[in-house]
Amino acid sequence: MTTATHPSPLTLPAGTHALCSCGLSKNGAFCDGSHQGSSHSPSILKLEEEQTVYLCSCCASAKKPFCDGSHLQLSASTPQSQGPWWKFWG
């Protein structure tokens, strides 16, 4: 399996969302507390209305969990991880 070379869209309703920043969550892109005891903390996203956000799938974004366009700079020869940084388990 290779890493996606484009962001993963996620449509979220209005409200507060805790997004995984450690890559260990068993709840996909959402924090489940697996970061406890590490230096990571969830990315808190507060939305006034429903919005589609784009999550990094290439593991190169400096703004994880969000896409910053880094995938545009990756070449086919660049070694990449086996999946989105937030979905190590499969």
C-alpha atoms as a PDB file:
ATOM      1  CA  MET A   1       0.000   0.000   0.000  1.00  0.00           C
ATOM      2  CA  THR A   2       1.275   3.469  -0.809  1.00  0.00           C
ATOM      3  CA  THR A   3       0.438   6.799   0.740  1.00  0.00           C
ATOM      4  CA  ALA A   4      -2.206   8.935  -0.885  1.00  0.00           C
ATOM      5  CA  THR A   5      -0.866  11.922  -2.767  1.00  0.00           C
ATOM      6  CA  HIS A   6      -3.877  14.112  -2.121  1.00  0.00           C
ATOM      7  CA  PRO A   7      -5.646  15.314   1.030  1.00  0.00           C
ATOM      8  CA  SER A   8      -8.552  13.415   2.576  1.00  0.00           C
ATOM      9  CA  PRO A   9     -11.699  15.569   2.790  1.00  0.00           C
ATOM     10  CA  LEU A  10     -13.701  15.364   6.009  1.00  0.00           C
ATOM     11  CA  THR A  11     -17.018  17.187   6.365  1.00  0.00           C
ATOM     12  CA  LEU A  12     -17.680  18.171   9.963  1.00  0.00           C
ATOM     13  CA  PRO A  13     -20.786  19.700  11.524  1.00  0.00           C
ATOM     14  CA  ALA A  14     -20.685  22.939  13.502  1.00  0.00           C
ATOM     15  CA  GLY A  15     -19.180  22.467  16.953  1.00  0.00           C
ATOM     16  CA  THR A  16     -15.875  21.535  18.577  1.00  0.00           C
ATOM     17  CA  HIS A  17     -13.862  18.600  17.262  1.00  0.00           C
ATOM     18  CA  ALA A  18     -10.701  17.004  18.683  1.00  0.00           C
ATOM     19  CA  LEU A  19      -8.572  15.659  15.835  1.00  0.00           C
ATOM     20  CA  CYS A  20      -5.796  13.122  16.407  1.00  0.00           C
ATOM     21  CA  SER A  21      -2.254  14.485  16.222  1.00  0.00           C
ATOM     22  CA  CYS A  22      -0.326  11.418  17.406  1.00  0.00           C
ATOM     23  CA  GLY A  23      -1.359   8.823  14.803  1.00  0.00           C
ATOM     24  CA  LEU A  24      -2.347   6.273  17.458  1.00  0.00           C
ATOM     25  CA  SER A  25      -6.104   6.863  17.690  1.00  0.00           C
ATOM     26  CA  LYS A  26      -8.316   3.847  17.037  1.00  0.00           C
ATOM     27  CA  ASN A  27     -11.016   6.381  16.120  1.00  0.00           C
ATOM     28  CA  GLY A  28      -9.555   7.412  12.750  1.00  0.00           C
ATOM     29  CA  ALA A  29      -8.961  11.142  12.470  1.00  0.00           C
ATOM     30  CA  PHE A  30     -10.603  11.800  15.834  1.00  0.00           C
ATOM     31  CA  CYS A  31      -8.739  11.793  19.152  1.00  0.00           C
ATOM     32  CA  ASP A  32      -9.477   8.876  21.494  1.00  0.00           C
ATOM     33  CA  GLY A  33      -6.911   9.795  24.164  1.00  0.00           C
ATOM     34  CA  SER A  34      -4.181   7.455  22.887  1.00  0.00           C
ATOM     35  CA  HIS A  35      -1.697  10.357  23.031  1.00  0.00           C
ATOM     36  CA  GLN A  36      -1.757  10.414  26.851  1.00  0.00           C
ATOM     37  CA  GLY A  37       1.740  10.123  28.237  1.00  0.00           C
ATOM     38  CA  SER A  38       3.325  11.520  25.077  1.00  0.00           C
ATOM     39  CA  SER A  39       4.198  15.033  23.950  1.00  0.00           C
ATOM     40  CA  HIS A  40       1.192  15.109  21.594  1.00  0.00           C
ATOM     41  CA  SER A  41      -2.179  16.713  22.148  1.00  0.00           C
ATOM     42  CA  PRO A  42      -5.240  16.775  19.902  1.00  0.00           C
ATOM     43  CA  SER A  43      -5.829  19.557  17.415  1.00  0.00           C
ATOM     44  CA  ILE A  44      -8.982  21.327  18.567  1.00  0.00           C
ATOM     45  CA  LEU A  45     -11.111  22.637  15.732  1.00  0.00           C
ATOM     46  CA  LYS A  46     -14.068  24.938  16.469  1.00  0.00           C
ATOM     47  CA  LEU A  47     -16.493  25.423  13.613  1.00  0.00           C
ATOM     48  CA  GLU A  48     -19.343  27.933  13.510  1.00  0.00           C
ATOM     49  CA  GLU A  49     -21.008  26.037  10.662  1.00  0.00           C
ATOM     50  CA  GLU A  50     -20.598  22.775   8.757  1.00  0.00           C
ATOM     51  CA  GLN A  51     -17.297  22.768   6.890  1.00  0.00           C
ATOM     52  CA  THR A  52     -15.134  20.425   4.871  1.00  0.00           C
ATOM     53  CA  VAL A  53     -11.539  20.258   6.089  1.00  0.00           C
ATOM     54  CA  TYR A  54      -8.697  18.517   4.289  1.00  0.00           C
ATOM     55  CA  LEU A  55      -6.535  16.129   6.282  1.00  0.00           C
ATOM     56  CA  CYS A  56      -2.955  15.273   5.361  1.00  0.00           C
ATOM     57  CA  SER A  57      -2.591  11.849   3.754  1.00  0.00           C
ATOM     58  CA  CYS A  58       1.049  12.078   2.636  1.00  0.00           C
ATOM     59  CA  CYS A  59       2.659  12.440   6.090  1.00  0.00           C
ATOM     60  CA  ALA A  60       4.625  15.513   4.970  1.00  0.00           C
ATOM     61  CA  SER A  61       2.409  18.378   6.165  1.00  0.00           C
ATOM     62  CA  ALA A  62       3.899  20.802   8.670  1.00  0.00           C
ATOM     63  CA  LYS A  63       0.335  21.582   9.804  1.00  0.00           C
ATOM     64  CA  LYS A  64      -0.874  18.073  10.711  1.00  0.00           C
ATOM     65  CA  PRO A  65      -3.585  16.987  10.825  1.00  0.00           C
ATOM     66  CA  PHE A  66      -4.363  19.442   8.044  1.00  0.00           C
ATOM     67  CA  CYS A  67      -3.022  19.431   4.501  1.00  0.00           C
ATOM     68  CA  ASP A  68      -0.614  22.267   3.704  1.00  0.00           C
ATOM     69  CA  GLY A  69       0.054  21.264   0.087  1.00  0.00           C
ATOM     70  CA  SER A  70       3.288  19.413   0.861  1.00  0.00           C
ATOM     71  CA  HIS A  71       2.097  16.484  -1.265  1.00  0.00           C
ATOM     72  CA  LEU A  72       2.632  18.687  -4.328  1.00  0.00           C
ATOM     73  CA  GLN A  73       6.379  18.687  -3.626  1.00  0.00           C
ATOM     74  CA  LEU A  74       6.696  14.905  -3.261  1.00  0.00           C
ATOM     75  CA  SER A  75       8.047  12.884  -6.151  1.00  0.00           C
ATOM     76  CA  ALA A  76       7.327   9.264  -6.946  1.00  0.00           C
ATOM     77  CA  SER A  77      10.815   8.384  -5.715  1.00  0.00           C
ATOM     78  CA  THR A  78      10.330   9.991  -2.292  1.00  0.00           C
ATOM     79  CA  PRO A  79      10.004   7.299   0.396  1.00  0.00           C
ATOM     80  CA  GLN A  80       6.684   7.588   2.190  1.00  0.00           C
ATOM     81  CA  SER A  81       5.006   5.787   5.063  1.00  0.00           C
ATOM     82  CA  GLN A  82       2.431   3.061   4.559  1.00  0.00           C
ATOM     83  CA  GLY A  83      -0.682   5.146   5.169  1.00  0.00           C
ATOM     84  CA  PRO A  84      -2.044   8.429   6.419  1.00  0.00           C
ATOM     85  CA  TRP A  85      -0.140   9.520   9.539  1.00  0.00           C
ATOM     86  CA  TRP A  86      -3.373   9.296  11.535  1.00  0.00           C
ATOM     87  CA  LYS A  87      -4.150   5.737  10.443  1.00  0.00           C
ATOM     88  CA  PHE A  88      -1.090   3.614  11.230  1.00  0.00           C
ATOM     89  CA  TRP A  89      -3.164   0.530  11.968  1.00  0.00           C
ATOM     90  CA  GLY A  90      -4.448  -0.220   8.483  1.00  0.00           C
END
